[in-house]
């Protein structure tokens, strides 16, 4: 089973623990406010810890996140 990262409107919870693009914790806020902050920054809201209560989301560039994740996976496969 492949991990699936939810972004923006795919995140369906009333509140999230939000971290901004610089890594600073914003706190527990409504999902609508987190989405507005991400949109205002021109970035995406990415769910990074779905199992925690409330889920942890980070404001970041999803394309860059996906690229770096693939790079780490390729490096891990190379070292096996």
PDB file of N, CA and C in Angstrom:
ATOM      1  N   UNK A   1       0.844  -1.192   0.000  1.00  0.00           N
ATOM      2  CA  UNK A   1       0.000   0.000   0.000  1.00  0.00           C
ATOM      3  C   UNK A   1       0.883   1.247   0.000  1.00  0.00           C
ATOM      4  N   UNK A   2       0.578   2.176  -0.848  1.00  0.00           N
ATOM      5  CA  UNK A   2       1.368   3.395  -1.005  1.00  0.00           C
ATOM      6  C   UNK A   2       0.792   4.497  -0.110  1.00  0.00           C
ATOM      7  N   UNK A   3       1.660   5.257   0.506  1.00  0.00           N
ATOM      8  CA  UNK A   3       1.213   6.392   1.320  1.00  0.00           C
ATOM      9  C   UNK A   3       0.598   7.452   0.424  1.00  0.00           C
ATOM     10  N   UNK A   4      -0.467   8.058   0.887  1.00  0.00           N
ATOM     11  CA  UNK A   4      -1.142   9.092   0.133  1.00  0.00           C
ATOM     12  C   UNK A   4      -1.161  10.355   0.978  1.00  0.00           C
ATOM     13  N   UNK A   5      -0.597  11.420   0.451  1.00  0.00           N
ATOM     14  CA  UNK A   5      -0.535  12.688   1.168  1.00  0.00           C
ATOM     15  C   UNK A   5      -1.706  13.558   0.741  1.00  0.00           C
ATOM     16  N   UNK A   6      -2.515  13.974   1.716  1.00  0.00           N
ATOM     17  CA  UNK A   6      -3.651  14.844   1.403  1.00  0.00           C
ATOM     18  C   UNK A   6      -3.182  16.297   1.398  1.00  0.00           C
ATOM     19  N   UNK A   7      -3.701  17.065   0.442  1.00  0.00           N
ATOM     20  CA  UNK A   7      -3.352  18.482   0.347  1.00  0.00           C
ATOM     21  C   UNK A   7      -4.610  19.324   0.193  1.00  0.00           C
ATOM     22  N   UNK A   8      -4.511  20.570   0.612  1.00  0.00           N
ATOM     23  CA  UNK A   8      -5.554  21.578   0.456  1.00  0.00           C
ATOM     24  C   UNK A   8      -6.942  21.054   0.808  1.00  0.00           C
ATOM     25  N   UNK A   9      -7.879  21.052  -0.133  1.00  0.00           N
ATOM     26  CA  UNK A   9      -9.277  20.700   0.162  1.00  0.00           C
ATOM     27  C   UNK A   9      -9.504  19.205   0.329  1.00  0.00           C
ATOM     28  N   UNK A  10      -8.477  18.384   0.164  1.00  0.00           N
ATOM     29  CA  UNK A  10      -8.600  16.947   0.426  1.00  0.00           C
ATOM     30  C   UNK A  10      -8.570  16.673   1.928  1.00  0.00           C
ATOM     31  N   UNK A  11      -8.106  17.640   2.708  1.00  0.00           N
ATOM     32  CA  UNK A  11      -8.033  17.503   4.165  1.00  0.00           C
ATOM     33  C   UNK A  11      -9.425  17.813   4.713  1.00  0.00           C
ATOM     34  N   UNK A  12     -10.074  16.807   5.308  1.00  0.00           N
ATOM     35  CA  UNK A  12     -11.461  16.940   5.740  1.00  0.00           C
ATOM     36  C   UNK A  12     -11.610  16.828   7.256  1.00  0.00           C
ATOM     37  N   UNK A  13     -11.015  17.742   7.982  1.00  0.00           N
ATOM     38  CA  UNK A  13     -11.154  17.792   9.438  1.00  0.00           C
ATOM     39  C   UNK A  13     -11.482  19.232   9.829  1.00  0.00           C
ATOM     40  N   UNK A  14     -12.163  19.437  10.959  1.00  0.00           N
ATOM     41  CA  UNK A  14     -12.538  20.810  11.329  1.00  0.00           C
ATOM     42  C   UNK A  14     -11.362  21.680  11.772  1.00  0.00           C
ATOM     43  N   UNK A  15     -10.381  21.078  12.482  1.00  0.00           N
ATOM     44  CA  UNK A  15      -9.227  21.850  12.955  1.00  0.00           C
ATOM     45  C   UNK A  15      -7.935  21.088  12.677  1.00  0.00           C
ATOM     46  N   UNK A  16      -6.844  21.839  12.522  1.00  0.00           N
ATOM     47  CA  UNK A  16      -5.524  21.242  12.291  1.00  0.00           C
ATOM     48  C   UNK A  16      -4.484  21.977  13.128  1.00  0.00           C
ATOM     49  N   UNK A  17      -3.396  21.283  13.438  1.00  0.00           N
ATOM     50  CA  UNK A  17      -2.238  21.934  14.054  1.00  0.00           C
ATOM     51  C   UNK A  17      -1.392  22.401  12.882  1.00  0.00           C
ATOM     52  N   UNK A  18      -1.195  23.689  12.757  1.00  0.00           N
ATOM     53  CA  UNK A  18      -0.576  24.263  11.569  1.00  0.00           C
ATOM     54  C   UNK A  18       0.860  24.720  11.838  1.00  0.00           C
ATOM     55  N   UNK A  19       1.721  24.451  10.849  1.00  0.00           N
ATOM     56  CA  UNK A  19       3.114  24.891  10.878  1.00  0.00           C
ATOM     57  C   UNK A  19       3.333  25.707   9.612  1.00  0.00           C
ATOM     58  N   UNK A  20       3.931  26.895   9.732  1.00  0.00           N
ATOM     59  CA  UNK A  20       4.108  27.739   8.546  1.00  0.00           C
ATOM     60  C   UNK A  20       5.316  27.302   7.720  1.00  0.00           C
ATOM     61  N   UNK A  21       5.566  28.003   6.634  1.00  0.00           N
ATOM     62  CA  UNK A  21       6.624  27.639   5.684  1.00  0.00           C
ATOM     63  C   UNK A  21       8.018  27.706   6.306  1.00  0.00           C
ATOM     64  N   UNK A  22       8.197  28.513   7.349  1.00  0.00           N
ATOM     65  CA  UNK A  22       9.502  28.629   8.008  1.00  0.00           C
ATOM     66  C   UNK A  22       9.680  27.609   9.121  1.00  0.00           C
ATOM     67  N   UNK A  23       8.656  26.806   9.389  1.00  0.00           N
ATOM     68  CA  UNK A  23       8.740  25.802  10.444  1.00  0.00           C
ATOM     69  C   UNK A  23       8.233  26.272  11.791  1.00  0.00           C
ATOM     70  N   UNK A  24       7.679  27.476  11.849  1.00  0.00           N
ATOM     71  CA  UNK A  24       7.145  28.017  13.101  1.00  0.00           C
ATOM     72  C   UNK A  24       5.741  27.466  13.344  1.00  0.00           C
ATOM     73  N   UNK A  25       5.488  26.993  14.571  1.00  0.00           N
ATOM     74  CA  UNK A  25       4.158  26.489  14.899  1.00  0.00           C
ATOM     75  C   UNK A  25       3.185  27.644  15.026  1.00  0.00           C
ATOM     76  N   UNK A  26       2.072  27.534  14.336  1.00  0.00           N
ATOM     77  CA  UNK A  26       1.021  28.542  14.427  1.00  0.00           C
ATOM     78  C   UNK A  26       0.045  28.147  15.526  1.00  0.00           C
ATOM     79  N   UNK A  27      -0.212  26.851  15.661  1.00  0.00           N
ATOM     80  CA  UNK A  27      -1.119  26.348  16.677  1.00  0.00           C
ATOM     81  C   UNK A  27      -2.291  25.620  16.059  1.00  0.00           C
ATOM     82  N   UNK A  28      -3.284  25.303  16.881  1.00  0.00           N
ATOM     83  CA  UNK A  28      -4.480  24.609  16.409  1.00  0.00           C
ATOM     84  C   UNK A  28      -5.460  25.661  15.903  1.00  0.00           C
ATOM     85  N   UNK A  29      -5.781  25.580  14.612  1.00  0.00           N
ATOM     86  CA  UNK A  29      -6.662  26.566  13.978  1.00  0.00           C
ATOM     87  C   UNK A  29      -7.679  25.847  13.090  1.00  0.00           C
ATOM     88  N   UNK A  30      -8.788  26.514  12.760  1.00  0.00           N
ATOM     89  CA  UNK A  30      -9.763  25.914  11.838  1.00  0.00           C
ATOM     90  C   UNK A  30      -9.135  25.675  10.466  1.00  0.00           C
ATOM     91  N   UNK A  31      -9.571  24.624   9.786  1.00  0.00           N
ATOM     92  CA  UNK A  31      -9.018  24.276   8.481  1.00  0.00           C
ATOM     93  C   UNK A  31      -9.205  25.415   7.481  1.00  0.00           C
ATOM     94  N   UNK A  32     -10.321  26.131   7.566  1.00  0.00           N
ATOM     95  CA  UNK A  32     -10.573  27.233   6.627  1.00  0.00           C
ATOM     96  C   UNK A  32      -9.522  28.330   6.777  1.00  0.00           C
ATOM     97  N   UNK A  33      -9.141  28.635   8.010  1.00  0.00           N
ATOM     98  CA  UNK A  33      -8.113  29.653   8.254  1.00  0.00           C
ATOM     99  C   UNK A  33      -6.757  29.180   7.731  1.00  0.00           C
ATOM    100  N   UNK A  34      -6.432  27.904   7.936  1.00  0.00           N
ATOM    101  CA  UNK A  34      -5.161  27.351   7.454  1.00  0.00           C
ATOM    102  C   UNK A  34      -5.105  27.391   5.930  1.00  0.00           C
ATOM    103  N   UNK A  35      -6.217  27.047   5.274  1.00  0.00           N
ATOM    104  CA  UNK A  35      -6.269  27.087   3.807  1.00  0.00           C
ATOM    105  C   UNK A  35      -6.108  28.515   3.295  1.00  0.00           C
ATOM    106  N   UNK A  36      -6.744  29.470   3.970  1.00  0.00           N
ATOM    107  CA  UNK A  36      -6.618  30.878   3.569  1.00  0.00           C
ATOM    108  C   UNK A  36      -5.179  31.368   3.723  1.00  0.00           C
ATOM    109  N   UNK A  37      -4.505  30.964   4.797  1.00  0.00           N
ATOM    110  CA  UNK A  37      -3.110  31.366   5.013  1.00  0.00           C
ATOM    111  C   UNK A  37      -2.212  30.784   3.919  1.00  0.00           C
ATOM    112  N   UNK A  38      -2.442  29.527   3.560  1.00  0.00           N
ATOM    113  CA  UNK A  38      -1.642  28.883   2.514  1.00  0.00           C
ATOM    114  C   UNK A  38      -1.878  29.564   1.170  1.00  0.00           C
ATOM    115  N   UNK A  39      -3.130  29.833   0.865  1.00  0.00           N
ATOM    116  CA  UNK A  39      -3.479  30.487  -0.404  1.00  0.00           C
ATOM    117  C   UNK A  39      -2.859  31.881  -0.475  1.00  0.00           C
ATOM    118  N   UNK A  40      -2.903  32.617   0.633  1.00  0.00           N
ATOM    119  CA  UNK A  40      -2.339  33.971   0.668  1.00  0.00           C
ATOM    120  C   UNK A  40      -0.828  33.948   0.441  1.00  0.00           C
ATOM    121  N   UNK A  41      -0.173  32.874   0.890  1.00  0.00           N
ATOM    122  CA  UNK A  41       1.277  32.751   0.714  1.00  0.00           C
ATOM    123  C   UNK A  41       1.636  32.161  -0.651  1.00  0.00           C
ATOM    124  N   UNK A  42       0.619  31.745  -1.416  1.00  0.00           N
ATOM    125  CA  UNK A  42       0.876  31.134  -2.724  1.00  0.00           C
ATOM    126  C   UNK A  42       1.424  29.720  -2.600  1.00  0.00           C
ATOM    127  N   UNK A  43       1.097  29.047  -1.490  1.00  0.00           N
ATOM    128  CA  UNK A  43       1.602  27.701  -1.227  1.00  0.00           C
ATOM    129  C   UNK A  43       0.439  26.742  -0.992  1.00  0.00           C
ATOM    130  N   UNK A  44       0.761  25.496  -0.660  1.00  0.00           N
ATOM    131  CA  UNK A  44      -0.245  24.467  -0.402  1.00  0.00           C
ATOM    132  C   UNK A  44      -0.267  24.122   1.079  1.00  0.00           C
ATOM    133  N   UNK A  45      -1.416  23.623   1.535  1.00  0.00           N
ATOM    134  CA  UNK A  45      -1.534  23.090   2.888  1.00  0.00           C
ATOM    135  C   UNK A  45      -1.383  21.578   2.760  1.00  0.00           C
ATOM    136  N   UNK A  46      -0.323  21.020   3.344  1.00  0.00           N
ATOM    137  CA  UNK A  46       0.004  19.602   3.192  1.00  0.00           C
ATOM    138  C   UNK A  46      -0.109  18.912   4.548  1.00  0.00           C
ATOM    139  N   UNK A  47      -0.856  17.812   4.599  1.00  0.00           N
ATOM    140  CA  UNK A  47      -1.006  17.035   5.825  1.00  0.00           C
ATOM    141  C   UNK A  47       0.251  16.188   6.015  1.00  0.00           C
ATOM    142  N   UNK A  48       1.004  16.438   7.087  1.00  0.00           N
ATOM    143  CA  UNK A  48       2.265  15.725   7.305  1.00  0.00           C
ATOM    144  C   UNK A  48       2.170  14.663   8.398  1.00  0.00           C
ATOM    145  N   UNK A  49       1.185  14.755   9.274  1.00  0.00           N
ATOM    146  CA  UNK A  49       0.991  13.747  10.327  1.00  0.00           C
ATOM    147  C   UNK A  49      -0.506  13.518  10.509  1.00  0.00           C
ATOM    148  N   UNK A  50      -1.046  12.605   9.710  1.00  0.00           N
ATOM    149  CA  UNK A  50      -2.490  12.366   9.709  1.00  0.00           C
ATOM    150  C   UNK A  50      -2.969  11.648  10.963  1.00  0.00           C
ATOM    151  N   UNK A  51      -2.101  10.865  11.607  1.00  0.00           N
ATOM    152  CA  UNK A  51      -2.516  10.043  12.744  1.00  0.00           C
ATOM    153  C   UNK A  51      -2.654  10.822  14.046  1.00  0.00           C
ATOM    154  N   UNK A  52      -2.032  11.987  14.144  1.00  0.00           N
ATOM    155  CA  UNK A  52      -2.103  12.751  15.394  1.00  0.00           C
ATOM    156  C   UNK A  52      -3.458  13.448  15.514  1.00  0.00           C
ATOM    157  N   UNK A  53      -3.774  13.874  16.727  1.00  0.00           N
ATOM    158  CA  UNK A  53      -5.035  14.572  16.985  1.00  0.00           C
ATOM    159  C   UNK A  53      -4.749  15.960  17.523  1.00  0.00           C
ATOM    160  N   UNK A  54      -5.092  17.042  16.877  1.00  0.00           N
ATOM    161  CA  UNK A  54      -5.569  17.091  15.493  1.00  0.00           C
ATOM    162  C   UNK A  54      -4.423  16.833  14.514  1.00  0.00           C
ATOM    163  N   UNK A  55      -4.730  16.519  13.249  1.00  0.00           N
ATOM    164  CA  UNK A  55      -3.677  16.265  12.261  1.00  0.00           C
ATOM    165  C   UNK A  55      -2.751  17.473  12.106  1.00  0.00           C
ATOM    166  N   UNK A  56      -1.476  17.206  11.843  1.00  0.00           N
ATOM    167  CA  UNK A  56      -0.497  18.276  11.648  1.00  0.00           C
ATOM    168  C   UNK A  56      -0.403  18.582  10.159  1.00  0.00           C
ATOM    169  N   UNK A  57      -0.551  19.858   9.816  1.00  0.00           N
ATOM    170  CA  UNK A  57      -0.457  20.301   8.431  1.00  0.00           C
ATOM    171  C   UNK A  57       0.611  21.381   8.335  1.00  0.00           C
ATOM    172  N   UNK A  58       1.286  21.397   7.199  1.00  0.00           N
ATOM    173  CA  UNK A  58       2.345  22.382   6.993  1.00  0.00           C
ATOM    174  C   UNK A  58       2.063  23.165   5.723  1.00  0.00           C
ATOM    175  N   UNK A  59       2.313  24.464   5.783  1.00  0.00           N
ATOM    176  CA  UNK A  59       2.170  25.321   4.611  1.00  0.00           C
ATOM    177  C   UNK A  59       3.481  25.233   3.844  1.00  0.00           C
ATOM    178  N   UNK A  60       3.423  24.671   2.617  1.00  0.00           N
ATOM    179  CA  UNK A  60       4.637  24.472   1.820  1.00  0.00           C
ATOM    180  C   UNK A  60       4.281  24.319   0.348  1.00  0.00           C
ATOM    181  N   UNK A  61       5.309  24.299  -0.484  1.00  0.00           N
ATOM    182  CA  UNK A  61       5.143  24.041  -1.916  1.00  0.00           C
ATOM    183  C   UNK A  61       5.062  22.530  -2.093  1.00  0.00           C
ATOM    184  N   UNK A  62       3.887  22.005  -2.473  1.00  0.00           N
ATOM    185  CA  UNK A  62       3.693  20.562  -2.570  1.00  0.00           C
ATOM    186  C   UNK A  62       4.584  19.932  -3.638  1.00  0.00           C
ATOM    187  N   UNK A  63       4.791  20.609  -4.759  1.00  0.00           N
ATOM    188  CA  UNK A  63       5.648  20.087  -5.821  1.00  0.00           C
ATOM    189  C   UNK A  63       7.068  19.855  -5.325  1.00  0.00           C
ATOM    190  N   UNK A  64       7.591  20.806  -4.575  1.00  0.00           N
ATOM    191  CA  UNK A  64       8.942  20.688  -4.014  1.00  0.00           C
ATOM    192  C   UNK A  64       8.993  19.564  -2.980  1.00  0.00           C
ATOM    193  N   UNK A  65       7.960  19.462  -2.151  1.00  0.00           N
ATOM    194  CA  UNK A  65       7.867  18.413  -1.138  1.00  0.00           C
ATOM    195  C   UNK A  65       7.888  17.038  -1.795  1.00  0.00           C
ATOM    196  N   UNK A  66       7.092  16.863  -2.852  1.00  0.00           N
ATOM    197  CA  UNK A  66       7.001  15.589  -3.562  1.00  0.00           C
ATOM    198  C   UNK A  66       8.352  15.231  -4.198  1.00  0.00           C
ATOM    199  N   UNK A  67       9.012  16.209  -4.800  1.00  0.00           N
ATOM    200  CA  UNK A  67      10.317  15.991  -5.423  1.00  0.00           C
ATOM    201  C   UNK A  67      11.343  15.520  -4.392  1.00  0.00           C
ATOM    202  N   UNK A  68      11.400  16.201  -3.243  1.00  0.00           N
ATOM    203  CA  UNK A  68      12.364  15.841  -2.204  1.00  0.00           C
ATOM    204  C   UNK A  68      12.061  14.467  -1.614  1.00  0.00           C
ATOM    205  N   UNK A  69      10.772  14.140  -1.499  1.00  0.00           N
ATOM    206  CA  UNK A  69      10.362  12.832  -0.991  1.00  0.00           C
ATOM    207  C   UNK A  69      10.820  11.719  -1.950  1.00  0.00           C
ATOM    208  N   UNK A  70      10.651  11.932  -3.243  1.00  0.00           N
ATOM    209  CA  UNK A  70      11.076  10.942  -4.234  1.00  0.00           C
ATOM    210  C   UNK A  70      12.595  10.784  -4.222  1.00  0.00           C
ATOM    211  N   UNK A  71      13.300  11.889  -4.031  1.00  0.00           N
ATOM    212  CA  UNK A  71      14.763  11.852  -3.967  1.00  0.00           C
ATOM    213  C   UNK A  71      15.231  11.017  -2.770  1.00  0.00           C
ATOM    214  N   UNK A  72      14.592  11.202  -1.616  1.00  0.00           N
ATOM    215  CA  UNK A  72      14.940  10.431  -0.417  1.00  0.00           C
ATOM    216  C   UNK A  72      14.666   8.940  -0.626  1.00  0.00           C
ATOM    217  N   UNK A  73      13.530   8.617  -1.263  1.00  0.00           N
ATOM    218  CA  UNK A  73      13.190   7.216  -1.517  1.00  0.00           C
ATOM    219  C   UNK A  73      14.202   6.575  -2.463  1.00  0.00           C
ATOM    220  N   UNK A  74      14.619   7.291  -3.491  1.00  0.00           N
ATOM    221  CA  UNK A  74      15.602   6.771  -4.442  1.00  0.00           C
ATOM    222  C   UNK A  74      16.939   6.539  -3.745  1.00  0.00           C
ATOM    223  N   UNK A  75      17.320   7.458  -2.873  1.00  0.00           N
ATOM    224  CA  UNK A  75      18.576   7.332  -2.122  1.00  0.00           C
ATOM    225  C   UNK A  75      18.516   6.118  -1.193  1.00  0.00           C
ATOM    226  N   UNK A  76      17.368   5.903  -0.560  1.00  0.00           N
ATOM    227  CA  UNK A  76      17.202   4.759   0.341  1.00  0.00           C
ATOM    228  C   UNK A  76      17.284   3.443  -0.440  1.00  0.00           C
ATOM    229  N   UNK A  77      16.701   3.398  -1.629  1.00  0.00           N
ATOM    230  CA  UNK A  77      16.768   2.191  -2.463  1.00  0.00           C
ATOM    231  C   UNK A  77      18.205   1.916  -2.901  1.00  0.00           C
ATOM    232  N   UNK A  78      18.940   2.983  -3.181  1.00  0.00           N
ATOM    233  CA  UNK A  78      20.324   2.844  -3.622  1.00  0.00           C
ATOM    234  C   UNK A  78      21.200   2.232  -2.521  1.00  0.00           C
ATOM    235  N   UNK A  79      20.904   2.556  -1.276  1.00  0.00           N
ATOM    236  CA  UNK A  79      21.725   2.099  -0.151  1.00  0.00           C
ATOM    237  C   UNK A  79      21.393   0.684   0.299  1.00  0.00           C
ATOM    238  N   UNK A  80      20.356   0.076  -0.247  1.00  0.00           N
ATOM    239  CA  UNK A  80      19.970  -1.282   0.161  1.00  0.00           C
ATOM    240  C   UNK A  80      20.893  -2.313  -0.421  1.00  0.00           C
TER     241      UNK A  80
END
